Amino acid sequence: VQLQASGGGVVQAGGSLRLSCAVSGRAPSLYTMSWLRQAPGKEREFVGSVRWNVGSPYYADSVKGRFTISRDNAKKTIYLQMDNLKPEDTAVYYCAAEHRAGVPGKYAFWGQGTQVTVSS
């Protein structure tokens, strides 16, 4: 499984960005897809996750109500719509795949990070 993240950039506070994570390879539906981020000098932080075929996305409290995860099963792509961005959202954002039968929080595959910078 390969993950290709894109869509980062620079935006002013209150603005929006949409990140994409295109998935290729075998049986992506076996994986829960997550977005994580890491700001300079901080630990990596879980942002949210979604499964391909069932259920609703799950969000960290820090982004709930501002970020929306969606999926396009036909395109094998997940999205992270980020609205009302704050300077503290500045980070490198990663998409990652966690096997549904694996250890929770242990990600089998990672996309390359994409930088999101929110100016005040």
Protein backbone atom coordinates (compact mmCIF):
# COMPACT_ATOMS: atom_id res chain seq x y z
CA VAL A 1 0.00 0.00 0.00
CA GLN A 2 1.31 3.40 -0.96
CA LEU A 3 -0.04 6.72 0.26
CA GLN A 4 0.40 10.03 -1.52
CA ALA A 5 -0.57 13.13 0.42
CA SER A 6 -1.02 16.54 -1.11
CA GLY A 7 -2.72 19.88 -0.63
CA GLY A 8 -0.75 21.68 2.02
CA GLY A 9 0.09 25.36 1.84
CA VAL A 10 0.03 28.68 3.59
CA VAL A 11 -3.24 30.21 4.69
CA GLN A 12 -4.33 33.00 6.98
CA ALA A 13 -6.08 32.27 10.24
CA GLY A 14 -9.75 31.60 9.63
CA GLY A 15 -9.05 30.22 6.19
CA SER A 16 -9.47 26.74 4.76
CA LEU A 17 -7.39 24.06 3.12
CA ARG A 18 -8.15 20.60 1.85
CA LEU A 19 -5.63 17.79 2.01
CA SER A 20 -5.85 14.66 -0.08
CA CYS A 21 -4.39 11.21 0.44
CA ALA A 22 -4.44 8.92 -2.58
CA VAL A 23 -4.06 5.23 -1.81
CA SER A 24 -2.68 2.63 -4.16
CA GLY A 25 -1.93 -1.02 -3.75
CA ARG A 26 -3.78 -4.10 -2.62
CA ALA A 27 -6.85 -4.21 -0.44
CA PRO A 28 -6.89 -0.67 0.98
CA SER A 29 -10.25 -1.47 2.55
CA LEU A 30 -8.42 -3.58 5.13
CA TYR A 31 -7.01 -0.42 6.60
CA THR A 32 -8.35 2.40 8.71
CA MET A 33 -7.07 5.67 7.30
CA SER A 34 -5.87 8.36 9.65
CA TRP A 35 -4.58 11.88 9.55
CA LEU A 36 -1.89 12.89 12.01
CA ARG A 37 0.18 16.01 12.38
CA GLN A 38 3.42 17.09 13.94
CA ALA A 39 4.30 20.65 14.80
CA PRO A 40 7.90 21.76 15.33
CA GLY A 41 9.15 20.67 18.71
CA LYS A 42 5.99 18.75 19.51
CA GLU A 43 4.98 15.14 19.48
CA ARG A 44 2.95 13.70 16.68
CA GLU A 45 -0.76 14.22 17.22
CA PHE A 46 -3.73 12.20 16.02
CA VAL A 47 -6.17 14.33 14.02
CA GLY A 48 -8.84 11.90 12.86
CA SER A 49 -9.59 8.65 11.13
CA VAL A 50 -12.07 6.94 8.85
CA ARG A 51 -12.72 3.45 7.57
CA TRP A 52 -13.41 2.87 3.91
CA ASN A 53 -16.74 1.16 3.98
CA VAL A 54 -18.37 1.60 7.34
CA GLY A 55 -18.88 4.07 10.08
CA SER A 56 -18.34 7.77 10.48
CA PRO A 57 -15.07 9.62 10.84
CA TYR A 58 -13.58 10.05 14.28
CA TYR A 59 -11.88 13.28 15.33
CA ALA A 60 -9.56 14.54 17.98
CA ASP A 61 -11.17 17.11 20.27
CA SER A 62 -8.74 19.76 19.07
CA VAL A 63 -10.17 19.72 15.55
CA LYS A 64 -13.74 18.57 16.10
CA GLY A 65 -16.19 20.93 14.44
CA ARG A 66 -13.51 22.50 12.23
CA PHE A 67 -12.05 19.56 10.32
CA THR A 68 -13.93 17.06 8.20
CA ILE A 69 -12.65 13.76 6.89
CA SER A 70 -14.28 12.27 3.84
CA ARG A 71 -13.54 9.42 1.51
CA ASP A 72 -14.02 8.63 -2.15
CA ASN A 73 -14.00 4.87 -2.42
CA ALA A 74 -13.93 4.89 -6.21
CA LYS A 75 -10.85 7.10 -6.28
CA LYS A 76 -9.33 5.42 -3.22
CA THR A 77 -8.71 8.84 -1.77
CA ILE A 78 -9.40 10.35 1.61
CA TYR A 79 -9.66 14.04 2.29
CA LEU A 80 -9.13 16.32 5.22
CA GLN A 81 -11.13 19.51 4.89
CA MET A 82 -9.78 22.04 7.33
CA ASP A 83 -11.88 25.11 8.06
CA ASN A 84 -11.47 27.98 10.47
CA LEU A 85 -7.77 27.25 10.67
CA LYS A 86 -5.79 28.54 13.62
CA PRO A 87 -2.07 29.25 13.93
CA GLU A 88 -1.81 26.27 16.27
CA ASP A 89 -2.87 24.03 13.38
CA THR A 90 0.48 24.73 11.75
CA ALA A 91 2.21 21.37 11.33
CA VAL A 92 3.29 18.74 8.89
CA TYR A 93 0.26 16.60 8.17
CA TYR A 94 0.52 12.93 7.42
CA CYS A 95 -1.92 10.32 6.24
CA ALA A 96 -1.38 6.83 7.55
CA ALA A 97 -2.94 3.39 7.26
CA GLU A 98 -3.64 1.18 10.24
CA HIS A 99 -4.55 -2.44 9.61
CA ARG A 100 -7.97 -3.15 11.00
CA ALA A 101 -6.72 -6.35 12.65
CA GLY A 102 -3.50 -4.80 13.84
CA VAL A 103 -2.42 -3.12 17.03
CA PRO A 104 -4.41 0.11 17.52
CA GLY A 105 -2.26 3.12 16.86
CA LYS A 106 0.37 1.15 15.02
CA TYR A 107 0.44 2.45 11.47
CA ALA A 108 1.60 0.12 8.75
CA PHE A 109 1.99 2.70 6.00
CA TRP A 110 2.64 6.42 5.87
CA GLY A 111 2.33 9.05 3.23
CA GLN A 112 4.91 11.76 2.90
CA GLY A 113 4.05 14.77 5.00
CA THR A 114 2.53 17.92 3.64
CA GLN A 115 3.17 21.25 5.33
CA VAL A 116 0.30 23.38 6.53
CA THR A 117 1.17 26.85 7.76
CA VAL A 118 -1.45 29.13 9.27
CA SER A 119 -0.45 32.74 9.69
CA SER A 120 -2.02 35.01 12.27
